[in-house]
């Protein structure tokens, strides 16, 4: 039976250690060190995120050529990713130590890219309490992998052509108008302000680029990232069975998983660790022997090939089988 879950043989029982507890959560002193939130550095990070999103489309409007708008359309894949992921950091209350500032800046990051911060926080904490459990809010997104290659292509095609984005956009509008959700109404208001400003300055294509990239390239990128985090995993107290480990490249870290979100197992081991310290926590997991090369995919490309039934893990009945339950095809 094909599966995305590591074999028991690839999950050594090495905890606790002098630095990690029985569930891999760092011990008290190490945890306090890893949980520090650097306010000043995060201010610079937020400014950088705004420059790489708003700055990109504003620059396109100033240059006002077809190639500038096309470049902005592509670059906003990263722009929306950055805003969303820093919004995710704020949802975890890890962006700034003062929670009023944390939530204010979190809203400023989230609403332009149509993420309802407070509603997302409630849903996301449900995800963290019991990944793949009966109340998993994203069960429909993560379940069933590996899937046939043609099904995988259909999902990605719906994202790239805006079908998924249009569905999400209608959901926001429905929440704002029918359900009268406050955050949804604010999100719609923010988008209308963007439309009004771009029309007033004679550059409506700026907003078209913003929205079109969100509805297509960003949705495509977001699915690829989300499946790489939990696709095909199972409910377990052992986070190695709920969350994938994928080697991080510079290109992936810039384009799809900025702000260290690719070190996702570390995030699920201790969701109170800010993004800057996730690589350090990951290194601790590796040094303890709890995370091994057997459960690490060498690249995102290798993972996507596996989840589309190209080279999944394969369970075998014979424990002496030379491949065991390890990842094949790498």
Protein backbone atom coordinates (compact mmCIF):
# COMPACT_ATOMS: atom_id res chain seq x y z
CA UNK A 1 0.00 0.00 0.00
CA UNK A 2 1.43 3.36 -1.03
CA UNK A 3 1.73 5.87 1.80
CA UNK A 4 3.37 9.17 2.66
CA UNK A 5 3.90 8.18 6.31
CA UNK A 6 7.41 7.09 7.36
CA UNK A 7 7.97 3.49 8.46
CA UNK A 8 8.31 2.68 12.15
CA UNK A 9 11.87 1.54 11.44
CA UNK A 10 12.72 5.05 10.27
CA UNK A 11 11.45 6.65 13.50
CA UNK A 12 14.01 5.85 16.19
CA UNK A 13 12.89 6.04 19.83
CA UNK A 14 15.68 8.22 21.24
CA UNK A 15 13.81 10.67 23.47
CA UNK A 16 14.04 12.17 25.99
CA UNK A 17 17.56 13.61 25.94
CA UNK A 18 19.21 16.24 28.09
CA UNK A 19 17.97 18.90 25.62
CA UNK A 20 14.65 17.53 24.37
CA UNK A 21 11.66 16.11 26.24
CA UNK A 22 9.74 12.92 25.39
CA UNK A 23 7.73 14.65 22.62
CA UNK A 24 10.82 16.51 21.28
CA UNK A 25 9.81 19.82 22.91
CA UNK A 26 13.00 21.54 24.14
CA UNK A 27 13.73 21.43 27.86
CA UNK A 28 13.06 24.54 29.90
CA UNK A 29 16.28 26.56 29.45
CA UNK A 30 16.63 25.75 25.76
CA UNK A 31 12.96 26.42 25.18
CA UNK A 32 13.22 29.85 26.81
CA UNK A 33 16.15 30.67 24.55
CA UNK A 34 14.40 29.50 21.38
CA UNK A 35 11.16 31.32 22.24
CA UNK A 36 12.65 34.80 22.40
CA UNK A 37 10.94 37.28 20.06
CA UNK A 38 13.30 39.95 18.61
CA UNK A 39 11.01 42.96 18.22
CA UNK A 40 13.45 45.27 16.44
CA UNK A 41 14.53 42.69 13.88
CA UNK A 42 10.91 41.79 13.19
CA UNK A 43 10.11 45.44 12.45
CA UNK A 44 12.70 45.30 9.67
CA UNK A 45 11.27 41.98 8.48
CA UNK A 46 7.75 43.43 8.21
CA UNK A 47 9.04 46.48 6.32
CA UNK A 48 10.86 44.14 3.95
CA UNK A 49 7.69 42.13 3.37
CA UNK A 50 5.73 45.26 2.50
CA UNK A 51 8.46 46.37 0.09
CA UNK A 52 8.44 42.97 -1.62
CA UNK A 53 4.67 43.10 -2.07
CA UNK A 54 3.31 46.64 -2.25
CA UNK A 55 6.66 47.92 -3.49
CA UNK A 56 6.66 45.50 -6.41
CA UNK A 57 3.26 46.51 -7.78
CA UNK A 58 3.89 50.21 -7.12
CA UNK A 59 7.13 49.97 -9.08
CA UNK A 60 5.24 48.30 -11.93
CA UNK A 61 2.75 51.17 -11.93
CA UNK A 62 5.54 53.75 -12.02
CA UNK A 63 7.37 52.01 -14.89
CA UNK A 64 4.02 51.33 -16.58
CA UNK A 65 5.15 48.90 -19.27
CA UNK A 66 3.83 45.44 -20.12
CA UNK A 67 7.00 43.75 -18.95
CA UNK A 68 6.89 45.58 -15.61
CA UNK A 69 3.35 44.37 -14.96
CA UNK A 70 4.30 40.85 -16.04
CA UNK A 71 7.32 40.86 -13.73
CA UNK A 72 5.16 42.12 -10.86
CA UNK A 73 2.58 39.40 -11.56
CA UNK A 74 5.28 36.75 -11.18
CA UNK A 75 7.09 38.35 -8.24
CA UNK A 76 3.86 38.75 -6.30
CA UNK A 77 3.88 34.98 -5.83
CA UNK A 78 6.58 35.62 -3.28
CA UNK A 79 4.92 38.83 -2.13
CA UNK A 80 1.67 37.12 -1.16
CA UNK A 81 3.60 34.23 0.40
CA UNK A 82 5.54 36.64 2.60
CA UNK A 83 2.45 38.51 3.78
CA UNK A 84 0.58 35.27 4.51
CA UNK A 85 3.42 33.62 6.38
CA UNK A 86 4.13 36.65 8.55
CA UNK A 87 0.37 36.78 9.15
CA UNK A 88 0.67 33.17 10.27
CA UNK A 89 3.44 34.25 12.65
CA UNK A 90 1.14 36.93 14.09
CA UNK A 91 -1.66 34.37 14.42
CA UNK A 92 0.70 32.41 16.67
CA UNK A 93 1.35 35.61 18.66
CA UNK A 94 5.04 35.41 17.79
CA UNK A 95 5.60 38.51 15.64
CA UNK A 96 5.89 41.02 18.51
CA UNK A 97 5.94 40.59 22.27
CA UNK A 98 3.22 43.23 22.78
CA UNK A 99 0.05 41.48 21.65
CA UNK A 100 -1.72 44.68 20.65
CA UNK A 101 1.07 45.48 18.18
CA UNK A 102 1.29 41.83 17.17
CA UNK A 103 -2.39 41.72 16.20
CA UNK A 104 -2.43 45.18 14.61
CA UNK A 105 0.53 44.42 12.36
CA UNK A 106 -0.82 40.94 11.76
CA UNK A 107 -4.04 42.44 10.40
CA UNK A 108 -2.06 44.84 8.20
CA UNK A 109 -0.19 41.88 6.74
CA UNK A 110 -3.18 39.57 6.42
CA UNK A 111 -6.12 41.61 5.15
CA UNK A 112 -4.46 42.82 1.91
CA UNK A 113 -3.91 39.18 0.94
CA UNK A 114 -7.41 38.18 2.07
CA UNK A 115 -6.56 36.24 5.19
CA UNK A 116 -8.86 36.85 8.17
CA UNK A 117 -6.33 36.87 11.00
CA UNK A 118 -8.58 36.14 13.98
CA UNK A 119 -10.69 33.53 12.22
CA UNK A 120 -7.53 31.95 10.88
CA UNK A 121 -6.02 31.86 14.38
CA UNK A 122 -8.97 29.89 15.75
CA UNK A 123 -8.93 27.44 12.86
CA UNK A 124 -5.17 27.08 12.83
CA UNK A 125 -4.92 26.33 16.54
CA UNK A 126 -7.41 23.51 15.98
CA UNK A 127 -4.99 22.18 13.38
CA UNK A 128 -2.10 22.30 15.85
CA UNK A 129 -4.01 20.66 18.70
CA UNK A 130 -4.65 17.48 16.73
CA UNK A 131 -3.14 17.28 13.25
CA UNK A 132 -5.18 14.96 11.02
CA UNK A 133 -7.68 14.44 13.84
CA UNK A 134 -11.48 14.50 13.47
CA UNK A 135 -11.57 18.32 13.70
CA UNK A 136 -8.68 18.96 11.30
CA UNK A 137 -9.82 22.08 9.38
CA UNK A 138 -7.73 21.20 6.31
CA UNK A 139 -8.46 17.48 6.13
CA UNK A 140 -9.77 17.84 2.59
CA UNK A 141 -6.53 19.51 1.51
CA UNK A 142 -4.11 17.04 3.09
CA UNK A 143 -5.90 13.72 2.77
CA UNK A 144 -5.57 10.93 0.24
CA UNK A 145 -1.95 11.33 -0.88
CA UNK A 146 -0.27 9.96 -2.86
CA UNK A 147 -2.79 10.56 -5.61
CA UNK A 148 -2.76 9.63 -9.32
CA UNK A 149 -0.71 11.94 -11.49
CA UNK A 150 -3.72 13.06 -13.53
CA UNK A 151 -5.59 14.05 -10.35
CA UNK A 152 -2.55 16.00 -9.17
CA UNK A 153 -2.37 17.85 -12.48
CA UNK A 154 -6.09 18.72 -12.31
CA UNK A 155 -5.67 20.24 -8.85
CA UNK A 156 -2.73 22.35 -9.94
CA UNK A 157 -4.46 23.36 -13.16
CA UNK A 158 -7.46 24.64 -11.18
CA UNK A 159 -5.08 26.72 -9.10
CA UNK A 160 -3.13 28.13 -12.03
CA UNK A 161 -6.23 29.04 -14.03
CA UNK A 162 -7.88 30.89 -11.14
CA UNK A 163 -10.68 28.39 -10.49
CA UNK A 164 -9.57 27.83 -6.87
CA UNK A 165 -8.92 31.53 -6.35
CA UNK A 166 -12.36 32.50 -7.66
CA UNK A 167 -13.96 29.99 -5.29
CA UNK A 168 -12.05 31.49 -2.36
CA UNK A 169 -12.89 35.02 -3.44
CA UNK A 170 -16.60 34.18 -3.55
CA UNK A 171 -16.24 32.68 -0.08
CA UNK A 172 -14.88 35.96 1.29
CA UNK A 173 -17.69 37.90 -0.39
CA UNK A 174 -20.31 35.49 0.97
CA UNK A 175 -18.87 35.80 4.49
CA UNK A 176 -18.97 39.58 4.22
CA UNK A 177 -22.43 40.02 2.73
CA UNK A 178 -24.52 37.06 3.87
CA UNK A 179 -22.86 35.98 7.10
CA UNK A 180 -21.88 39.57 7.90
CA UNK A 181 -18.50 38.56 9.31
CA UNK A 182 -16.58 41.61 10.50
CA UNK A 183 -13.18 40.50 9.26
CA UNK A 184 -14.52 39.55 5.86
CA UNK A 185 -16.11 42.99 5.55
CA UNK A 186 -12.80 44.64 6.45
CA UNK A 187 -11.01 42.52 3.85
CA UNK A 188 -13.50 43.57 1.16
CA UNK A 189 -13.16 47.19 2.27
CA UNK A 190 -9.37 46.99 2.01
CA UNK A 191 -9.64 45.59 -1.51
CA UNK A 192 -12.05 48.36 -2.50
CA UNK A 193 -9.63 50.96 -1.16
CA UNK A 194 -6.90 49.40 -3.28
CA UNK A 195 -9.16 49.58 -6.34
CA UNK A 196 -10.07 53.20 -5.60
CA UNK A 197 -6.46 54.31 -5.13
CA UNK A 198 -5.20 52.59 -8.28
CA UNK A 199 -8.05 54.03 -10.36
CA UNK A 200 -7.53 57.50 -8.86
CA UNK A 201 -3.86 57.53 -9.86
CA UNK A 202 -4.63 56.17 -13.30
CA UNK A 203 -3.03 52.77 -12.76
CA UNK A 204 -5.87 50.22 -12.35
CA UNK A 205 -3.58 47.50 -13.75
CA UNK A 206 -1.69 47.63 -10.46
CA UNK A 207 -4.64 46.12 -8.63
CA UNK A 208 -5.35 43.72 -11.50
CA UNK A 209 -1.82 42.36 -11.09
CA UNK A 210 -2.23 42.14 -7.30
CA UNK A 211 -5.48 40.20 -7.51
CA UNK A 212 -4.58 38.07 -10.54
CA UNK A 213 -1.37 36.86 -8.96
CA UNK A 214 -3.21 36.02 -5.73
CA UNK A 215 -5.86 34.06 -7.64
CA UNK A 216 -3.41 32.04 -9.75
CA UNK A 217 0.30 31.83 -9.00
CA UNK A 218 -0.14 32.31 -5.26
CA UNK A 219 -2.85 29.64 -5.03
CA UNK A 220 -0.63 27.29 -7.02
CA UNK A 221 2.35 27.98 -4.75
CA UNK A 222 0.25 27.74 -1.60
CA UNK A 223 -1.06 24.28 -2.49
CA UNK A 224 2.43 23.03 -3.26
CA UNK A 225 3.65 24.30 0.10
CA UNK A 226 0.69 23.01 2.13
CA UNK A 227 0.84 19.50 0.67
CA UNK A 228 4.58 19.46 1.36
CA UNK A 229 3.80 20.13 5.01
CA UNK A 230 1.16 17.49 5.77
CA UNK A 231 -0.03 15.77 2.59
CA UNK A 232 -0.86 12.11 3.13
CA UNK A 233 0.19 12.02 6.78
CA UNK A 234 -1.83 10.60 9.68
CA UNK A 235 -3.10 11.41 13.16
CA UNK A 236 -0.40 10.71 15.74
CA UNK A 237 1.21 12.11 18.86
CA UNK A 238 4.53 11.60 17.07
CA UNK A 239 4.86 14.72 14.90
CA UNK A 240 7.13 12.81 12.50
CA UNK A 241 4.00 10.98 11.37
CA UNK A 242 1.95 14.17 10.91
CA UNK A 243 4.47 16.50 9.28
CA UNK A 244 6.97 16.04 6.46
CA UNK A 245 10.66 16.91 6.54
CA UNK A 246 12.02 18.43 3.32
CA UNK A 247 15.52 19.71 2.73
CA UNK A 248 15.50 23.47 2.26
CA UNK A 249 17.07 25.09 -0.78
CA UNK A 250 17.72 28.80 -1.20
CA UNK A 251 15.33 29.06 -4.13
CA UNK A 252 12.47 27.37 -2.26
CA UNK A 253 13.13 29.49 0.82
CA UNK A 254 12.91 32.67 -1.21
CA UNK A 255 10.07 31.82 -3.55
CA UNK A 256 7.65 29.54 -1.69
CA UNK A 257 8.61 29.02 1.97
CA UNK A 258 10.09 32.33 3.19
CA UNK A 259 10.68 33.12 6.84
CA UNK A 260 11.80 29.56 7.63
CA UNK A 261 8.32 28.10 7.30
CA UNK A 262 9.87 25.13 5.47
CA UNK A 263 11.26 23.84 8.77
CA UNK A 264 7.72 22.76 9.47
CA UNK A 265 8.30 19.74 11.68
CA UNK A 266 10.15 21.97 14.14
CA UNK A 267 7.17 24.35 14.07
CA UNK A 268 4.79 21.53 14.96
CA UNK A 269 7.06 20.16 17.67
CA UNK A 270 6.87 23.53 19.46
CA UNK A 271 4.53 26.08 17.90
CA UNK A 272 5.74 28.69 20.39
CA UNK A 273 9.14 29.01 18.70
CA UNK A 274 9.36 32.12 16.45
CA UNK A 275 10.29 31.69 12.81
CA UNK A 276 13.90 32.84 13.23
CA UNK A 277 14.70 29.95 15.56
CA UNK A 278 13.04 27.09 13.67
CA UNK A 279 16.29 26.06 11.92
CA UNK A 280 18.02 25.91 15.32
CA UNK A 281 15.26 23.71 16.72
CA UNK A 282 15.44 21.52 13.62
CA UNK A 283 19.18 21.12 14.20
CA UNK A 284 18.44 19.99 17.75
CA UNK A 285 16.00 17.38 16.44
CA UNK A 286 18.63 16.09 14.03
CA UNK A 287 21.43 16.12 16.62
CA UNK A 288 19.31 14.04 19.00
CA UNK A 289 18.83 11.35 16.35
CA UNK A 290 15.05 11.89 16.36
CA UNK A 291 15.05 13.22 12.79
CA UNK A 292 17.04 11.01 10.42
CA UNK A 293 17.90 11.17 6.71
CA UNK A 294 15.43 8.31 6.14
CA UNK A 295 12.44 10.62 6.67
CA UNK A 296 13.84 13.64 4.84
CA UNK A 297 12.96 14.30 1.22
CA UNK A 298 16.01 15.70 -0.62
CA UNK A 299 13.98 18.44 -2.34
CA UNK A 300 10.46 19.73 -2.89
CA UNK A 301 10.58 18.37 -6.40
CA UNK A 302 11.27 14.87 -5.05
CA UNK A 303 8.37 15.21 -2.63
CA UNK A 304 5.90 16.36 -5.29
CA UNK A 305 6.96 13.47 -7.49
CA UNK A 306 6.19 11.14 -4.59
CA UNK A 307 2.83 12.64 -3.70
CA UNK A 308 1.64 12.37 -7.29
CA UNK A 309 2.24 8.60 -7.23
CA UNK A 310 5.56 8.94 -8.99
CA UNK A 311 7.70 7.48 -6.25
CA UNK A 312 5.77 7.07 -2.98
CA UNK A 313 6.91 5.24 0.07
CA UNK A 314 5.79 1.64 -0.26
CA UNK A 315 4.88 -0.60 2.63
CA UNK A 316 6.18 -4.15 2.27
CA UNK A 317 5.32 -7.16 4.38
CA UNK A 318 8.88 -8.52 4.48
CA UNK A 319 10.86 -6.62 7.14
CA UNK A 320 14.10 -7.80 5.52
CA UNK A 321 13.16 -6.27 2.17
CA UNK A 322 16.16 -4.12 1.12
CA UNK A 323 14.03 -1.01 0.58
CA UNK A 324 11.92 -1.47 3.69
CA UNK A 325 9.55 1.48 3.93
CA UNK A 326 12.12 4.02 2.87
CA UNK A 327 11.60 6.61 0.21
CA UNK A 328 12.09 5.13 -3.27
CA UNK A 329 13.22 6.82 -6.43
CA UNK A 330 15.67 9.40 -5.06
